[in-house]
Amino acid sequence: MGEGVRRKAAPGAYDRIYAVVRRIPRGRVATYGQVAAEAGLAGRARQVGYALHALPTGSVVPWHRVINSAGRVSLPPNNGGLDQQLRLQAEGVEVFLGGRISLGRFQWKSATRSRGS
C-alpha cells in the first residue's frame, strides 16, 4: 500500500469503532489495536485512528481514551495531544512525561476480552 493510501472502510466499520470507544470507561484507556479487535477489525489499528480523526468537533465519543500500543498518546502536543492528556488526567489517568500511560494500571479490560474473545 502506498504512502497516503488508506484501506477502504468496511460498511459500518466507523460506527462499530465508535461503539467500542463509547464503552471504554472513564479513567481507563484502550489501544488502537484493542479497539480494532473489539470492533471485529483485528489488525486494523490504523483504521481506528482514521475513524477517530474523522469525528466532528464536539463529538461525545471519548476519543481521548484511545492510545498507542506502547502506552503513549500518539498526537503531538500542539495538535491535540495536550488536550488528550488533560482530558485523561481529569478522569484520573496518570500521564507521565512524553504522554506515557501505564497500560498495566489503566488499560480497559472489556467483558468481551475477559470471556476469551
C-alpha atoms as a PDB file:
ATOM      1  CA  MET A   1       0.000   0.000   0.000  1.00  0.00           C
ATOM      2  CA  GLY A   2       1.477   3.357  -0.991  1.00  0.00           C
ATOM      3  CA  GLU A   3       2.015   6.284   1.315  1.00  0.00           C
ATOM      4  CA  GLY A   4      -1.175   8.218   1.943  1.00  0.00           C
ATOM      5  CA  VAL A   5      -3.380   5.380   0.655  1.00  0.00           C
ATOM      6  CA  ARG A   6      -5.988   4.176   3.115  1.00  0.00           C
ATOM      7  CA  ARG A   7      -7.824   0.885   3.183  1.00  0.00           C
ATOM      8  CA  LYS A   8     -11.454   1.326   2.333  1.00  0.00           C
ATOM      9  CA  ALA A   9     -13.595   1.133   5.465  1.00  0.00           C
ATOM     10  CA  ALA A  10     -15.907  -1.841   5.740  1.00  0.00           C
ATOM     11  CA  PRO A  11     -19.580  -0.847   5.789  1.00  0.00           C
ATOM     12  CA  GLY A  12     -20.408   0.325   9.285  1.00  0.00           C
ATOM     13  CA  ALA A  13     -16.792  -0.010  10.454  1.00  0.00           C
ATOM     14  CA  TYR A  14     -16.608   3.516  11.837  1.00  0.00           C
ATOM     15  CA  ASP A  15     -19.912   3.007  13.660  1.00  0.00           C
ATOM     16  CA  ARG A  16     -18.546  -0.197  15.226  1.00  0.00           C
ATOM     17  CA  ILE A  17     -15.342   1.596  16.215  1.00  0.00           C
ATOM     18  CA  TYR A  18     -17.284   4.451  17.815  1.00  0.00           C
ATOM     19  CA  ALA A  19     -19.496   1.961  19.688  1.00  0.00           C
ATOM     20  CA  VAL A  20     -16.408   0.291  21.175  1.00  0.00           C
ATOM     21  CA  VAL A  21     -14.804   3.610  22.120  1.00  0.00           C
ATOM     22  CA  ARG A  22     -18.025   4.642  23.897  1.00  0.00           C
ATOM     23  CA  ARG A  23     -17.702   1.503  26.063  1.00  0.00           C
ATOM     24  CA  ILE A  24     -14.259   2.465  27.411  1.00  0.00           C
ATOM     25  CA  PRO A  25     -14.985   3.575  30.983  1.00  0.00           C
ATOM     26  CA  ARG A  26     -13.960   6.911  32.404  1.00  0.00           C
ATOM     27  CA  GLY A  27     -10.461   6.645  33.855  1.00  0.00           C
ATOM     28  CA  ARG A  28      -9.429   3.814  31.510  1.00  0.00           C
ATOM     29  CA  VAL A  29      -7.657   3.663  28.155  1.00  0.00           C
ATOM     30  CA  ALA A  30      -7.578   1.219  25.259  1.00  0.00           C
ATOM     31  CA  THR A  31      -5.097   0.843  22.435  1.00  0.00           C
ATOM     32  CA  TYR A  32      -5.943   1.398  18.787  1.00  0.00           C
ATOM     33  CA  GLY A  33      -5.385  -2.320  18.170  1.00  0.00           C
ATOM     34  CA  GLN A  34      -7.586  -3.284  21.084  1.00  0.00           C
ATOM     35  CA  VAL A  35     -10.420  -1.116  19.770  1.00  0.00           C
ATOM     36  CA  ALA A  36      -9.992  -2.602  16.288  1.00  0.00           C
ATOM     37  CA  ALA A  37     -10.185  -6.155  17.651  1.00  0.00           C
ATOM     38  CA  GLU A  38     -13.248  -5.331  19.755  1.00  0.00           C
ATOM     39  CA  ALA A  39     -14.911  -3.852  16.662  1.00  0.00           C
ATOM     40  CA  GLY A  40     -14.259  -7.021  14.645  1.00  0.00           C
ATOM     41  CA  LEU A  41     -11.450  -5.359  12.696  1.00  0.00           C
ATOM     42  CA  ALA A  42      -8.411  -7.173  14.085  1.00  0.00           C
ATOM     43  CA  GLY A  43      -5.169  -5.897  12.604  1.00  0.00           C
ATOM     44  CA  ARG A  44      -6.680  -2.597  11.515  1.00  0.00           C
ATOM     45  CA  ALA A  45      -5.473  -0.262  14.247  1.00  0.00           C
ATOM     46  CA  ARG A  46      -4.820   2.499  11.713  1.00  0.00           C
ATOM     47  CA  GLN A  47      -8.457   2.403  10.671  1.00  0.00           C
ATOM     48  CA  VAL A  48      -9.332   3.229  14.281  1.00  0.00           C
ATOM     49  CA  GLY A  49      -7.073   6.255  14.032  1.00  0.00           C
ATOM     50  CA  TYR A  50      -8.732   7.330  10.791  1.00  0.00           C
ATOM     51  CA  ALA A  51     -12.184   6.918  12.353  1.00  0.00           C
ATOM     52  CA  LEU A  52     -11.270   8.976  15.405  1.00  0.00           C
ATOM     53  CA  HIS A  53      -9.699  11.656  13.223  1.00  0.00           C
ATOM     54  CA  ALA A  54     -12.966  11.837  11.256  1.00  0.00           C
ATOM     55  CA  LEU A  55     -15.028  12.687  14.356  1.00  0.00           C
ATOM     56  CA  PRO A  56     -16.612  16.132  14.190  1.00  0.00           C
ATOM     57  CA  THR A  57     -15.531  18.772  16.672  1.00  0.00           C
ATOM     58  CA  GLY A  58     -17.579  18.478  19.827  1.00  0.00           C
ATOM     59  CA  SER A  59     -18.348  14.780  19.387  1.00  0.00           C
ATOM     60  CA  VAL A  60     -19.318  12.914  22.563  1.00  0.00           C
ATOM     61  CA  VAL A  61     -17.277   9.853  21.548  1.00  0.00           C
ATOM     62  CA  PRO A  62     -14.446   9.737  24.149  1.00  0.00           C
ATOM     63  CA  TRP A  63     -11.638   9.607  21.553  1.00  0.00           C
ATOM     64  CA  HIS A  64      -9.124  10.717  24.148  1.00  0.00           C
ATOM     65  CA  ARG A  65      -9.240   7.281  25.816  1.00  0.00           C
ATOM     66  CA  VAL A  66      -7.502   5.618  22.859  1.00  0.00           C
ATOM     67  CA  ILE A  67      -3.695   5.466  22.890  1.00  0.00           C
ATOM     68  CA  ASN A  68      -0.994   3.570  21.043  1.00  0.00           C
ATOM     69  CA  SER A  69       0.262   0.075  21.865  1.00  0.00           C
ATOM     70  CA  ALA A  70       3.353   1.487  23.570  1.00  0.00           C
ATOM     71  CA  GLY A  71       1.089   3.149  26.140  1.00  0.00           C
ATOM     72  CA  ARG A  72       1.578   6.651  24.797  1.00  0.00           C
ATOM     73  CA  VAL A  73      -0.537   9.473  23.445  1.00  0.00           C
ATOM     74  CA  SER A  74       0.154   9.451  19.697  1.00  0.00           C
ATOM     75  CA  LEU A  75      -0.873  13.007  18.883  1.00  0.00           C
ATOM     76  CA  PRO A  76       1.768  15.743  19.032  1.00  0.00           C
ATOM     77  CA  PRO A  77       1.222  18.107  21.999  1.00  0.00           C
ATOM     78  CA  ASN A  78       0.403  21.084  19.740  1.00  0.00           C
ATOM     79  CA  ASN A  79      -2.004  19.049  17.588  1.00  0.00           C
ATOM     80  CA  GLY A  80      -4.431  17.543  20.096  1.00  0.00           C
ATOM     81  CA  GLY A  81      -2.012  15.623  22.293  1.00  0.00           C
ATOM     82  CA  LEU A  82      -2.044  18.141  25.138  1.00  0.00           C
ATOM     83  CA  ASP A  83      -5.853  18.242  25.074  1.00  0.00           C
ATOM     84  CA  GLN A  84      -5.899  14.436  25.176  1.00  0.00           C
ATOM     85  CA  GLN A  85      -3.510  14.340  28.124  1.00  0.00           C
ATOM     86  CA  LEU A  86      -5.531  16.938  30.040  1.00  0.00           C
ATOM     87  CA  ARG A  87      -8.789  15.052  29.412  1.00  0.00           C
ATOM     88  CA  LEU A  88      -7.233  11.812  30.637  1.00  0.00           C
ATOM     89  CA  GLN A  89      -5.790  13.478  33.727  1.00  0.00           C
ATOM     90  CA  ALA A  90      -9.207  14.987  34.509  1.00  0.00           C
ATOM     91  CA  GLU A  91     -10.529  11.404  34.561  1.00  0.00           C
ATOM     92  CA  GLY A  92      -7.824  10.269  36.978  1.00  0.00           C
ATOM     93  CA  VAL A  93      -5.460   8.689  34.450  1.00  0.00           C
ATOM     94  CA  GLU A  94      -1.849   9.337  35.380  1.00  0.00           C
ATOM     95  CA  VAL A  95       0.034  10.694  32.354  1.00  0.00           C
ATOM     96  CA  PHE A  96       3.799  10.752  32.605  1.00  0.00           C
ATOM     97  CA  LEU A  97       6.389  12.758  30.681  1.00  0.00           C
ATOM     98  CA  GLY A  98       6.094  12.200  26.950  1.00  0.00           C
ATOM     99  CA  GLY A  99       2.432  11.231  27.194  1.00  0.00           C
ATOM    100  CA  ARG A 100       3.193   7.812  28.688  1.00  0.00           C
ATOM    101  CA  ILE A 101       0.402   5.927  30.474  1.00  0.00           C
ATOM    102  CA  SER A 102       0.713   2.677  32.409  1.00  0.00           C
ATOM    103  CA  LEU A 103      -1.273   0.105  30.458  1.00  0.00           C
ATOM    104  CA  GLY A 104      -0.919  -2.296  33.382  1.00  0.00           C
ATOM    105  CA  ARG A 105      -2.734   0.149  35.604  1.00  0.00           C
ATOM    106  CA  PHE A 106      -5.154   1.962  33.304  1.00  0.00           C
ATOM    107  CA  GLN A 107      -5.910  -0.325  30.345  1.00  0.00           C
ATOM    108  CA  TRP A 108      -9.565  -1.256  29.962  1.00  0.00           C
ATOM    109  CA  LYS A 109     -10.350  -4.937  30.205  1.00  0.00           C
ATOM    110  CA  SER A 110     -13.573  -5.408  28.278  1.00  0.00           C
ATOM    111  CA  ALA A 111     -16.104  -8.103  29.103  1.00  0.00           C
ATOM    112  CA  THR A 112     -15.587  -9.488  25.586  1.00  0.00           C
ATOM    113  CA  ARG A 113     -11.853  -9.922  26.096  1.00  0.00           C
ATOM    114  CA  SER A 114     -12.217 -11.407  29.557  1.00  0.00           C
ATOM    115  CA  ARG A 115     -14.505 -14.119  28.101  1.00  0.00           C
ATOM    116  CA  GLY A 116     -11.616 -15.127  25.859  1.00  0.00           C
ATOM    117  CA  SER A 117     -12.650 -13.398  22.632  1.00  0.00           C
END
